[in-house]
PDB file of N, CA and C in Angstrom:
ATOM      1  N   UNK A   1      -8.039 -86.263  42.617  1.00  0.00           N
ATOM      2  CA  UNK A   1      -9.065 -85.860  41.602  1.00  0.00           C
ATOM      3  C   UNK A   1     -10.241 -84.823  42.240  1.00  0.00           C
ATOM      4  N   UNK A   2     -10.120 -83.307  41.841  1.00  0.00           N
ATOM      5  CA  UNK A   2     -11.056 -82.927  42.240  1.00  0.00           C
ATOM      6  C   UNK A   2     -12.456 -83.150  40.791  1.00  0.00           C
ATOM      7  N   UNK A   3     -13.694 -83.422  41.810  1.00  0.00           N
ATOM      8  CA  UNK A   3     -14.698 -83.276  40.358  1.00  0.00           C
ATOM      9  C   UNK A   3     -15.870 -82.656  41.425  1.00  0.00           C
ATOM     10  N   UNK A   4     -16.384 -81.793  40.200  1.00  0.00           N
ATOM     11  CA  UNK A   4     -17.408 -81.316  40.876  1.00  0.00           C
ATOM     12  C   UNK A   4     -18.736 -81.741  41.220  1.00  0.00           C
ATOM     13  N   UNK A   5     -18.998 -81.167  42.575  1.00  0.00           N
ATOM     14  CA  UNK A   5     -20.271 -81.901  42.563  1.00  0.00           C
ATOM     15  C   UNK A   5     -21.580 -81.274  41.922  1.00  0.00           C
ATOM     16  N   UNK A   6     -21.610 -80.489  41.149  1.00  0.00           N
ATOM     17  CA  UNK A   6     -22.392 -80.009  40.402  1.00  0.00           C
ATOM     18  C   UNK A   6     -23.010 -80.579  38.982  1.00  0.00           C
ATOM     19  N   UNK A   7     -21.889 -80.873  37.858  1.00  0.00           N
ATOM     20  CA  UNK A   7     -21.815 -81.201  37.153  1.00  0.00           C
ATOM     21  C   UNK A   7     -21.217 -82.796  36.873  1.00  0.00           C
ATOM     22  N   UNK A   8     -20.514 -82.819  37.827  1.00  0.00           N
ATOM     23  CA  UNK A   8     -19.889 -84.125  37.763  1.00  0.00           C
ATOM     24  C   UNK A   8     -18.733 -84.755  36.848  1.00  0.00           C
ATOM     25  N   UNK A   9     -17.938 -83.050  36.649  1.00  0.00           N
ATOM     26  CA  UNK A   9     -16.649 -82.367  35.633  1.00  0.00           C
ATOM     27  C   UNK A   9     -15.782 -82.503  36.508  1.00  0.00           C
ATOM     28  N   UNK A  10     -14.671 -83.132  35.875  1.00  0.00           N
ATOM     29  CA  UNK A  10     -12.976 -82.966  36.374  1.00  0.00           C
ATOM     30  C   UNK A  10     -12.125 -82.074  35.279  1.00  0.00           C
ATOM     31  N   UNK A  11     -11.595 -80.633  35.885  1.00  0.00           N
ATOM     32  CA  UNK A  11     -11.596 -79.608  35.592  1.00  0.00           C
ATOM     33  C   UNK A  11     -10.048 -79.986  35.000  1.00  0.00           C
ATOM     34  N   UNK A  12      -9.778 -81.657  35.089  1.00  0.00           N
ATOM     35  CA  UNK A  12      -8.242 -82.329  34.379  1.00  0.00           C
ATOM     36  C   UNK A  12      -8.775 -82.327  32.701  1.00  0.00           C
ATOM     37  N   UNK A  13      -9.937 -82.473  32.612  1.00  0.00           N
ATOM     38  CA  UNK A  13     -10.052 -83.384  31.372  1.00  0.00           C
ATOM     39  C   UNK A  13     -11.309 -81.836  30.597  1.00  0.00           C
ATOM     40  N   UNK A  14     -11.125 -80.684  31.179  1.00  0.00           N
ATOM     41  CA  UNK A  14     -11.849 -79.362  29.930  1.00  0.00           C
ATOM     42  C   UNK A  14     -11.465 -79.955  29.054  1.00  0.00           C
ATOM     43  N   UNK A  15     -12.376 -79.135  28.211  1.00  0.00           N
ATOM     44  CA  UNK A  15     -11.796 -79.332  26.392  1.00  0.00           C
ATOM     45  C   UNK A  15     -12.417 -78.092  25.868  1.00  0.00           C
ATOM     46  N   UNK A  16     -12.251 -76.956  25.590  1.00  0.00           N
ATOM     47  CA  UNK A  16     -12.831 -76.434  24.700  1.00  0.00           C
ATOM     48  C   UNK A  16     -12.151 -76.384  23.294  1.00  0.00           C
ATOM     49  N   UNK A  17     -13.000 -76.545  22.342  1.00  0.00           N
ATOM     50  CA  UNK A  17     -12.115 -76.504  20.928  1.00  0.00           C
ATOM     51  C   UNK A  17     -11.784 -75.348  20.272  1.00  0.00           C
ATOM     52  N   UNK A  18     -11.045 -75.165  19.493  1.00  0.00           N
ATOM     53  CA  UNK A  18     -10.595 -73.919  18.702  1.00  0.00           C
ATOM     54  C   UNK A  18     -11.032 -73.995  17.518  1.00  0.00           C
ATOM     55  N   UNK A  19     -10.826 -72.774  17.195  1.00  0.00           N
ATOM     56  CA  UNK A  19     -11.265 -72.767  15.863  1.00  0.00           C
ATOM     57  C   UNK A  19     -10.611 -73.264  14.859  1.00  0.00           C
ATOM     58  N   UNK A  20      -9.118 -73.633  14.708  1.00  0.00           N
ATOM     59  CA  UNK A  20      -8.923 -74.700  14.163  1.00  0.00           C
ATOM     60  C   UNK A  20      -9.529 -76.113  14.219  1.00  0.00           C
ATOM     61  N   UNK A  21      -9.581 -76.623  15.552  1.00  0.00           N
ATOM     62  CA  UNK A  21     -10.190 -77.726  15.686  1.00  0.00           C
ATOM     63  C   UNK A  21     -11.207 -78.022  15.076  1.00  0.00           C
ATOM     64  N   UNK A  22     -12.198 -76.997  15.396  1.00  0.00           N
ATOM     65  CA  UNK A  22     -13.955 -77.137  14.897  1.00  0.00           C
ATOM     66  C   UNK A  22     -13.419 -77.007  13.018  1.00  0.00           C
ATOM     67  N   UNK A  23     -12.207 -76.539  12.652  1.00  0.00           N
ATOM     68  CA  UNK A  23     -12.080 -76.684  11.209  1.00  0.00           C
ATOM     69  C   UNK A  23     -12.222 -77.863  10.615  1.00  0.00           C
ATOM     70  N   UNK A  24     -11.057 -78.560  11.098  1.00  0.00           N
ATOM     71  CA  UNK A  24     -10.573 -80.052  11.116  1.00  0.00           C
ATOM     72  C   UNK A  24     -11.828 -81.251  11.245  1.00  0.00           C
ATOM     73  N   UNK A  25     -11.939 -80.956  12.832  1.00  0.00           N
ATOM     74  CA  UNK A  25     -13.724 -81.825  12.616  1.00  0.00           C
ATOM     75  C   UNK A  25     -14.189 -81.983  11.480  1.00  0.00           C
ATOM     76  N   UNK A  26     -14.826 -80.568  10.728  1.00  0.00           N
ATOM     77  CA  UNK A  26     -15.947 -80.254   9.690  1.00  0.00           C
ATOM     78  C   UNK A  26     -15.025 -80.658   8.356  1.00  0.00           C
ATOM     79  N   UNK A  27     -13.770 -80.865   8.317  1.00  0.00           N
ATOM     80  CA  UNK A  27     -13.046 -81.052   6.906  1.00  0.00           C
ATOM     81  C   UNK A  27     -12.834 -82.575   7.003  1.00  0.00           C
ATOM     82  N   UNK A  28     -13.247 -83.528   8.372  1.00  0.00           N
ATOM     83  CA  UNK A  28     -13.156 -84.704   8.183  1.00  0.00           C
ATOM     84  C   UNK A  28     -14.326 -84.997   8.183  1.00  0.00           C
ATOM     85  N   UNK A  29     -15.177 -84.634   8.752  1.00  0.00           N
ATOM     86  CA  UNK A  29     -16.286 -85.122   8.348  1.00  0.00           C
ATOM     87  C   UNK A  29     -17.047 -84.583   6.824  1.00  0.00           C
ATOM     88  N   UNK A  30     -16.963 -83.595   6.344  1.00  0.00           N
ATOM     89  CA  UNK A  30     -17.358 -83.402   4.975  1.00  0.00           C
ATOM     90  C   UNK A  30     -16.410 -84.399   4.058  1.00  0.00           C
ATOM     91  N   UNK A  31     -14.964 -84.878   4.554  1.00  0.00           N
ATOM     92  CA  UNK A  31     -14.362 -85.827   3.461  1.00  0.00           C
ATOM     93  C   UNK A  31     -14.666 -86.862   3.423  1.00  0.00           C
ATOM     94  N   UNK A  32     -15.624 -87.348   4.649  1.00  0.00           N
ATOM     95  CA  UNK A  32     -15.930 -88.804   4.949  1.00  0.00           C
ATOM     96  C   UNK A  32     -17.113 -88.846   4.171  1.00  0.00           C
ATOM     97  N   UNK A  33     -18.208 -88.059   3.951  1.00  0.00           N
ATOM     98  CA  UNK A  33     -19.184 -88.064   3.703  1.00  0.00           C
ATOM     99  C   UNK A  33     -18.749 -87.933   2.024  1.00  0.00           C
ATOM    100  N   UNK A  34     -18.294 -87.108   1.529  1.00  0.00           N
ATOM    101  CA  UNK A  34     -17.942 -86.832   0.153  1.00  0.00           C
ATOM    102  C   UNK A  34     -17.511 -87.845  -0.296  1.00  0.00           C
ATOM    103  N   UNK A  35     -16.594 -88.774   0.250  1.00  0.00           N
ATOM    104  CA  UNK A  35     -15.665 -89.908  -0.342  1.00  0.00           C
ATOM    105  C   UNK A  35     -16.470 -91.135  -1.188  1.00  0.00           C
ATOM    106  N   UNK A  36     -18.078 -91.225  -0.740  1.00  0.00           N
ATOM    107  CA  UNK A  36     -19.064 -91.884  -0.438  1.00  0.00           C
ATOM    108  C   UNK A  36     -19.164 -91.685  -1.932  1.00  0.00           C
ATOM    109  N   UNK A  37     -19.739 -90.353  -2.686  1.00  0.00           N
ATOM    110  CA  UNK A  37     -20.031 -89.921  -3.805  1.00  0.00           C
ATOM    111  C   UNK A  37     -18.705 -89.934  -4.846  1.00  0.00           C
ATOM    112  N   UNK A  38     -17.666 -89.725  -4.317  1.00  0.00           N
ATOM    113  CA  UNK A  38     -16.279 -89.633  -5.126  1.00  0.00           C
ATOM    114  C   UNK A  38     -16.137 -91.138  -5.608  1.00  0.00           C
ATOM    115  N   UNK A  39     -16.254 -92.055  -4.939  1.00  0.00           N
ATOM    116  CA  UNK A  39     -16.077 -93.365  -5.551  1.00  0.00           C
ATOM    117  C   UNK A  39     -17.341 -93.607  -6.103  1.00  0.00           C
ATOM    118  N   UNK A  40     -18.313 -93.439  -5.989  1.00  0.00           N
ATOM    119  CA  UNK A  40     -19.646 -94.098  -6.411  1.00  0.00           C
ATOM    120  C   UNK A  40     -18.973 -93.384  -8.060  1.00  0.00           C
ATOM    121  N   UNK A  41     -19.040 -91.774  -8.142  1.00  0.00           N
ATOM    122  CA  UNK A  41     -18.658 -91.304  -9.483  1.00  0.00           C
ATOM    123  C   UNK A  41     -17.283 -91.912 -10.135  1.00  0.00           C
ATOM    124  N   UNK A  42     -16.443 -92.395  -9.596  1.00  0.00           N
ATOM    125  CA  UNK A  42     -15.448 -93.353 -10.390  1.00  0.00           C
ATOM    126  C   UNK A  42     -15.925 -94.455 -10.919  1.00  0.00           C
ATOM    127  N   UNK A  43     -16.547 -95.129 -10.014  1.00  0.00           N
ATOM    128  CA  UNK A  43     -17.186 -96.887 -10.674  1.00  0.00           C
ATOM    129  C   UNK A  43     -18.422 -96.365 -11.527  1.00  0.00           C
ATOM    130  N   UNK A  44     -18.653 -94.953 -12.113  1.00  0.00           N
ATOM    131  CA  UNK A  44     -19.900 -94.903 -12.577  1.00  0.00           C
ATOM    132  C   UNK A  44     -18.841 -94.381 -14.254  1.00  0.00           C
ATOM    133  N   UNK A  45     -17.923 -93.570 -14.094  1.00  0.00           N
ATOM    134  CA  UNK A  45     -17.363 -93.503 -15.227  1.00  0.00           C
ATOM    135  C   UNK A  45     -16.428 -94.533 -15.560  1.00  0.00           C
ATOM    136  N   UNK A  46     -15.677 -95.452 -14.806  1.00  0.00           N
ATOM    137  CA  UNK A  46     -15.124 -97.364 -15.059  1.00  0.00           C
ATOM    138  C   UNK A  46     -16.024 -98.262 -16.101  1.00  0.00           C
ATOM    139  N   UNK A  47     -17.320 -98.221 -15.164  1.00  0.00           N
ATOM    140  CA  UNK A  47     -18.357 -98.677 -16.118  1.00  0.00           C
ATOM    141  C   UNK A  47     -18.921 -98.458 -17.186  1.00  0.00           C
ATOM    142  N   UNK A  48     -19.079 -97.376 -17.365  1.00  0.00           N
ATOM    143  CA  UNK A  48     -18.909 -96.123 -18.680  1.00  0.00           C
ATOM    144  C   UNK A  48     -17.991 -96.429 -19.810  1.00  0.00           C
ATOM    145  N   UNK A  49     -16.811 -96.677 -18.992  1.00  0.00           N
ATOM    146  CA  UNK A  49     -15.755 -97.096 -20.520  1.00  0.00           C
ATOM    147  C   UNK A  49     -15.686 -98.154 -20.687  1.00  0.00           C
ATOM    148  N   UNK A  50     -15.721 -99.157 -19.870  1.00  0.00           N
ATOM    149  CA  UNK A  50     -15.510-100.434 -19.986  1.00  0.00           C
ATOM    150  C   UNK A  50     -17.011-101.172 -20.477  1.00  0.00           C
ATOM    151  N   UNK A  51     -17.687-100.974 -20.241  1.00  0.00           N
ATOM    152  CA  UNK A  51     -19.311-101.357 -20.585  1.00  0.00           C
ATOM    153  C   UNK A  51     -19.951-100.956 -22.004  1.00  0.00           C
ATOM    154  N   UNK A  52     -19.091-101.538 -23.007  1.00  0.00           N
ATOM    155  CA  UNK A  52     -19.266-100.937 -24.336  1.00  0.00           C
ATOM    156  C   UNK A  52     -20.049-102.215 -25.428  1.00  0.00           C
ATOM    157  N   UNK A  53     -21.055-103.128 -24.366  1.00  0.00           N
ATOM    158  CA  UNK A  53     -21.119-104.250 -25.118  1.00  0.00           C
ATOM    159  C   UNK A  53     -22.641-103.992 -26.124  1.00  0.00           C
TER     160      UNK A  53
END
């Protein structure tokens, strides 16, 4: 395996993300962030419906 003396990187493990890779990564990040708000919204709706005391 040849490793560059300049930056220590190996050409075998070089990765340049495509547009599809960037979109998928952004989608997963946004889904994980907004899932918290989605679950809290469902929880608030359920509590509002069943907490009629």
